[in-house]
Amino acid sequence: MKPIIHLFIFIVIFCSCSPTRVGKTSSADQDRLYNISQNEDNNRLRKIAIKKLTEQEKLGSIAENEDNKNLRKIAIKKLTDQDKLGWVTENEDHKNLRKIAIKKLTDQDKLGWVAENEDNKNLRKIAIKKLTDQDKLGWVSENEDDKKLRKIAIEKLTD
């Protein structure tokens, strides 16, 4: 793609998004940004577009379907939707991207799933430390193979 076209797209990203409120973009602007994030050849421009997205459905779609790990990472960092973050913890191949999602989780069922099913001990530890659900902590204290992780769960039990 010619540099002039890149410049044009860059200008579109930064200038055409009409703010509806300070820091917010309209639904049409979100659609434009999403379209750029999906169809632009230049990853730097795609990155800019993803960083400006706020709609959780669009960010979730990128987190689930984007081939480029670095672009998925940007989308995951912007996710707040607990279902979409849960999907990332269950399905993402890259440990570091799962870690980002786990750190953002607050949903106790999803944290419990991580504590029970995540293969990586350090990621299970993050989830266990965030757990407050006594039933889930009880399960971990009885079933976790790692003594240190069981200890963390036991110390959090209040019953």
C-alpha atoms as a PDB file:
ATOM      1  CA  MET A   1       0.000   0.000   0.000  1.00  0.00           C
ATOM      2  CA  LYS A   2       1.319   3.437  -0.854  1.00  0.00           C
ATOM      3  CA  PRO A   3       2.400   5.753   1.990  1.00  0.00           C
ATOM      4  CA  ILE A   4      -0.180   8.362   0.986  1.00  0.00           C
ATOM      5  CA  ILE A   5      -2.964   5.826   1.534  1.00  0.00           C
ATOM      6  CA  HIS A   6      -1.533   4.995   4.969  1.00  0.00           C
ATOM      7  CA  LEU A   7      -1.507   8.693   5.792  1.00  0.00           C
ATOM      8  CA  PHE A   8      -5.116   8.993   4.665  1.00  0.00           C
ATOM      9  CA  ILE A   9      -6.203   6.078   6.858  1.00  0.00           C
ATOM     10  CA  PHE A  10      -4.230   7.502   9.790  1.00  0.00           C
ATOM     11  CA  ILE A  11      -6.050  10.825   9.374  1.00  0.00           C
ATOM     12  CA  VAL A  12      -9.388   9.032   9.166  1.00  0.00           C
ATOM     13  CA  ILE A  13      -8.696   7.178  12.396  1.00  0.00           C
ATOM     14  CA  PHE A  14      -7.670  10.260  14.345  1.00  0.00           C
ATOM     15  CA  CYS A  15      -9.869  12.929  12.829  1.00  0.00           C
ATOM     16  CA  SER A  16     -13.085  11.411  11.547  1.00  0.00           C
ATOM     17  CA  CYS A  17     -14.251   9.988  14.846  1.00  0.00           C
ATOM     18  CA  SER A  18     -16.679  12.612  15.999  1.00  0.00           C
ATOM     19  CA  PRO A  19     -16.893  12.633  19.775  1.00  0.00           C
ATOM     20  CA  THR A  20     -20.412  12.279  21.123  1.00  0.00           C
ATOM     21  CA  ARG A  21     -19.125  12.951  24.636  1.00  0.00           C
ATOM     22  CA  VAL A  22     -15.645  13.654  25.838  1.00  0.00           C
ATOM     23  CA  GLY A  23     -13.619  10.471  25.335  1.00  0.00           C
ATOM     24  CA  LYS A  24     -16.474   8.616  23.629  1.00  0.00           C
ATOM     25  CA  THR A  25     -17.009   7.822  19.983  1.00  0.00           C
ATOM     26  CA  SER A  26     -20.287   7.213  18.205  1.00  0.00           C
ATOM     27  CA  SER A  27     -21.505   3.782  17.175  1.00  0.00           C
ATOM     28  CA  ALA A  28     -20.763   4.630  13.542  1.00  0.00           C
ATOM     29  CA  ASP A  29     -17.214   5.572  14.530  1.00  0.00           C
ATOM     30  CA  GLN A  30     -16.851   2.310  16.412  1.00  0.00           C
ATOM     31  CA  ASP A  31     -17.981   0.498  13.251  1.00  0.00           C
ATOM     32  CA  ARG A  32     -15.388   2.390  11.207  1.00  0.00           C
ATOM     33  CA  LEU A  33     -12.621   1.622  13.690  1.00  0.00           C
ATOM     34  CA  TYR A  34     -13.608  -2.047  13.782  1.00  0.00           C
ATOM     35  CA  ASN A  35     -13.623  -2.179   9.986  1.00  0.00           C
ATOM     36  CA  ILE A  36     -10.109  -0.718   9.921  1.00  0.00           C
ATOM     37  CA  SER A  37      -8.968  -3.177  12.596  1.00  0.00           C
ATOM     38  CA  GLN A  38     -10.186  -6.041  10.428  1.00  0.00           C
ATOM     39  CA  ASN A  39      -9.356  -4.936   6.906  1.00  0.00           C
ATOM     40  CA  GLU A  40      -6.286  -2.707   7.019  1.00  0.00           C
ATOM     41  CA  ASP A  41      -3.033  -4.290   5.812  1.00  0.00           C
ATOM     42  CA  ASN A  42      -0.814  -2.134   8.014  1.00  0.00           C
ATOM     43  CA  ASN A  43      -0.685  -3.547  11.567  1.00  0.00           C
ATOM     44  CA  ARG A  44       0.339  -0.197  13.062  1.00  0.00           C
ATOM     45  CA  LEU A  45      -2.885   1.332  11.798  1.00  0.00           C
ATOM     46  CA  ARG A  46      -4.885  -1.669  12.966  1.00  0.00           C
ATOM     47  CA  LYS A  47      -3.312  -1.245  16.410  1.00  0.00           C
ATOM     48  CA  ILE A  48      -4.368   2.407  16.539  1.00  0.00           C
ATOM     49  CA  ALA A  49      -7.920   1.481  15.579  1.00  0.00           C
ATOM     50  CA  ILE A  50      -8.144  -1.278  18.215  1.00  0.00           C
ATOM     51  CA  LYS A  51      -6.836   1.073  20.899  1.00  0.00           C
ATOM     52  CA  LYS A  52      -9.690   3.465  20.100  1.00  0.00           C
ATOM     53  CA  LEU A  53     -12.389   0.775  20.236  1.00  0.00           C
ATOM     54  CA  THR A  54     -14.595   0.667  23.313  1.00  0.00           C
ATOM     55  CA  GLU A  55     -17.450  -1.645  22.276  1.00  0.00           C
ATOM     56  CA  GLN A  56     -16.990  -4.906  24.130  1.00  0.00           C
ATOM     57  CA  GLU A  57     -18.550  -7.034  21.368  1.00  0.00           C
ATOM     58  CA  LYS A  58     -16.012  -5.766  18.855  1.00  0.00           C
ATOM     59  CA  LEU A  59     -13.082  -6.100  21.268  1.00  0.00           C
ATOM     60  CA  GLY A  60     -14.245  -9.604  22.150  1.00  0.00           C
ATOM     61  CA  SER A  61     -14.416 -10.563  18.505  1.00  0.00           C
ATOM     62  CA  ILE A  62     -10.832  -9.395  18.024  1.00  0.00           C
ATOM     63  CA  ALA A  63      -9.709 -11.251  21.164  1.00  0.00           C
ATOM     64  CA  GLU A  64     -11.327 -14.440  19.866  1.00  0.00           C
ATOM     65  CA  ASN A  65     -10.536 -14.293  16.159  1.00  0.00           C
ATOM     66  CA  GLU A  66      -7.453 -12.172  15.481  1.00  0.00           C
ATOM     67  CA  ASP A  67      -4.426 -14.140  14.256  1.00  0.00           C
ATOM     68  CA  ASN A  68      -1.908 -11.515  15.361  1.00  0.00           C
ATOM     69  CA  LYS A  69      -1.047 -12.113  19.046  1.00  0.00           C
ATOM     70  CA  ASN A  70      -0.048  -8.488  19.657  1.00  0.00           C
ATOM     71  CA  LEU A  71      -3.357  -7.191  18.326  1.00  0.00           C
ATOM     72  CA  ARG A  72      -5.262  -9.752  20.423  1.00  0.00           C
ATOM     73  CA  LYS A  73      -3.322  -8.527  23.450  1.00  0.00           C
ATOM     74  CA  ILE A  74      -4.454  -4.940  22.881  1.00  0.00           C
ATOM     75  CA  ALA A  75      -8.078  -6.057  22.637  1.00  0.00           C
ATOM     76  CA  ILE A  76      -7.841  -8.254  25.759  1.00  0.00           C
ATOM     77  CA  LYS A  77      -6.356  -5.369  27.756  1.00  0.00           C
ATOM     78  CA  LYS A  78      -9.400  -3.269  26.852  1.00  0.00           C
ATOM     79  CA  LEU A  79     -11.968  -5.953  27.687  1.00  0.00           C
ATOM     80  CA  THR A  80     -14.116  -5.576  30.781  1.00  0.00           C
ATOM     81  CA  ASP A  81     -16.896  -7.993  29.799  1.00  0.00           C
ATOM     82  CA  GLN A  82     -16.522 -10.948  32.159  1.00  0.00           C
ATOM     83  CA  ASP A  83     -17.914 -13.493  29.676  1.00  0.00           C
ATOM     84  CA  LYS A  84     -15.426 -12.430  27.030  1.00  0.00           C
ATOM     85  CA  LEU A  85     -12.549 -12.448  29.530  1.00  0.00           C
ATOM     86  CA  GLY A  86     -13.697 -15.906  30.634  1.00  0.00           C
ATOM     87  CA  TRP A  87     -13.604 -17.088  27.034  1.00  0.00           C
ATOM     88  CA  VAL A  88     -10.002 -15.871  26.779  1.00  0.00           C
ATOM     89  CA  THR A  89      -8.983 -17.744  29.952  1.00  0.00           C
ATOM     90  CA  GLU A  90     -10.480 -20.962  28.602  1.00  0.00           C
ATOM     91  CA  ASN A  91      -9.422 -20.764  24.965  1.00  0.00           C
ATOM     92  CA  GLU A  92      -6.348 -18.590  24.469  1.00  0.00           C
ATOM     93  CA  ASP A  93      -3.198 -20.576  23.663  1.00  0.00           C
ATOM     94  CA  HIS A  94      -0.723 -17.972  24.901  1.00  0.00           C
ATOM     95  CA  LYS A  95      -0.149 -18.032  28.660  1.00  0.00           C
ATOM     96  CA  ASN A  96       0.653 -14.316  28.872  1.00  0.00           C
ATOM     97  CA  LEU A  97      -2.641 -13.385  27.222  1.00  0.00           C
ATOM     98  CA  ARG A  98      -4.555 -15.693  29.576  1.00  0.00           C
ATOM     99  CA  LYS A  99      -2.746 -14.003  32.462  1.00  0.00           C
ATOM    100  CA  ILE A 100      -3.961 -10.570  31.355  1.00  0.00           C
ATOM    101  CA  ALA A 101      -7.534 -11.870  31.218  1.00  0.00           C
ATOM    102  CA  ILE A 102      -7.311 -13.629  34.608  1.00  0.00           C
ATOM    103  CA  LYS A 103      -6.043 -10.444  36.258  1.00  0.00           C
ATOM    104  CA  LYS A 104      -9.091  -8.603  34.919  1.00  0.00           C
ATOM    105  CA  LEU A 105     -11.603 -11.237  36.038  1.00  0.00           C
ATOM    106  CA  THR A 106     -13.857 -10.570  38.999  1.00  0.00           C
ATOM    107  CA  ASP A 107     -16.530 -13.194  38.246  1.00  0.00           C
ATOM    108  CA  GLN A 108     -16.144 -15.863  40.908  1.00  0.00           C
ATOM    109  CA  ASP A 109     -17.414 -18.698  38.705  1.00  0.00           C
ATOM    110  CA  LYS A 110     -14.863 -17.869  36.038  1.00  0.00           C
ATOM    111  CA  LEU A 111     -12.063 -17.500  38.583  1.00  0.00           C
ATOM    112  CA  GLY A 112     -13.122 -20.846  40.058  1.00  0.00           C
ATOM    113  CA  TRP A 113     -12.934 -22.419  36.608  1.00  0.00           C
ATOM    114  CA  VAL A 114      -9.371 -21.102  36.234  1.00  0.00           C
ATOM    115  CA  ALA A 115      -8.401 -22.370  39.690  1.00  0.00           C
ATOM    116  CA  GLU A 116      -9.745 -25.809  38.824  1.00  0.00           C
ATOM    117  CA  ASN A 117      -8.751 -26.189  35.167  1.00  0.00           C
ATOM    118  CA  GLU A 118      -5.750 -24.009  34.309  1.00  0.00           C
ATOM    119  CA  ASP A 119      -2.610 -26.086  33.666  1.00  0.00           C
ATOM    120  CA  ASN A 120      -0.192 -23.329  34.642  1.00  0.00           C
ATOM    121  CA  LYS A 121       0.357 -23.182  38.411  1.00  0.00           C
ATOM    122  CA  ASN A 122       1.200 -19.459  38.415  1.00  0.00           C
ATOM    123  CA  LEU A 123      -2.034 -18.621  36.620  1.00  0.00           C
ATOM    124  CA  ARG A 124      -4.018 -20.793  39.035  1.00  0.00           C
ATOM    125  CA  LYS A 125      -2.343 -18.888  41.876  1.00  0.00           C
ATOM    126  CA  ILE A 126      -3.517 -15.544  40.480  1.00  0.00           C
ATOM    127  CA  ALA A 127      -7.078 -16.856  40.281  1.00  0.00           C
ATOM    128  CA  ILE A 128      -6.997 -18.388  43.768  1.00  0.00           C
ATOM    129  CA  LYS A 129      -5.760 -15.119  45.261  1.00  0.00           C
ATOM    130  CA  LYS A 130      -8.734 -13.353  43.668  1.00  0.00           C
ATOM    131  CA  LEU A 131     -11.282 -15.898  44.843  1.00  0.00           C
ATOM    132  CA  THR A 132     -13.627 -14.926  47.666  1.00  0.00           C
ATOM    133  CA  ASP A 133     -16.303 -17.580  47.065  1.00  0.00           C
ATOM    134  CA  GLN A 134     -15.995 -19.912  50.047  1.00  0.00           C
ATOM    135  CA  ASP A 135     -17.243 -23.000  48.184  1.00  0.00           C
ATOM    136  CA  LYS A 136     -14.671 -22.523  45.459  1.00  0.00           C
ATOM    137  CA  LEU A 137     -11.909 -21.871  47.982  1.00  0.00           C
ATOM    138  CA  GLY A 138     -13.008 -25.018  49.827  1.00  0.00           C
ATOM    139  CA  TRP A 139     -12.759 -27.026  46.604  1.00  0.00           C
ATOM    140  CA  VAL A 140      -9.250 -25.678  45.975  1.00  0.00           C
ATOM    141  CA  SER A 141      -8.165 -26.396  49.570  1.00  0.00           C
ATOM    142  CA  GLU A 142      -9.245 -30.028  49.173  1.00  0.00           C
ATOM    143  CA  ASN A 143      -8.328 -30.766  45.561  1.00  0.00           C
ATOM    144  CA  GLU A 144      -5.366 -28.615  44.477  1.00  0.00           C
ATOM    145  CA  ASP A 145      -2.223 -30.710  43.964  1.00  0.00           C
ATOM    146  CA  ASP A 146       0.187 -27.933  44.898  1.00  0.00           C
ATOM    147  CA  LYS A 147       0.609 -27.485  48.670  1.00  0.00           C
ATOM    148  CA  LYS A 148       1.380 -23.773  48.433  1.00  0.00           C
ATOM    149  CA  LEU A 149      -1.768 -23.104  46.452  1.00  0.00           C
ATOM    150  CA  ARG A 150      -3.838 -25.172  48.882  1.00  0.00           C
ATOM    151  CA  LYS A 151      -2.367 -23.100  51.713  1.00  0.00           C
ATOM    152  CA  ILE A 152      -3.409 -19.851  50.021  1.00  0.00           C
ATOM    153  CA  ALA A 153      -6.957 -21.169  49.669  1.00  0.00           C
ATOM    154  CA  ILE A 154      -7.096 -22.457  53.254  1.00  0.00           C
ATOM    155  CA  GLU A 155      -5.915 -19.090  54.601  1.00  0.00           C
ATOM    156  CA  LYS A 156      -8.738 -17.370  52.706  1.00  0.00           C
ATOM    157  CA  LEU A 157     -11.424 -19.647  54.151  1.00  0.00           C
ATOM    158  CA  THR A 158     -13.577 -17.894  56.744  1.00  0.00           C
ATOM    159  CA  ASP A 159     -16.049 -20.655  57.655  1.00  0.00           C
END
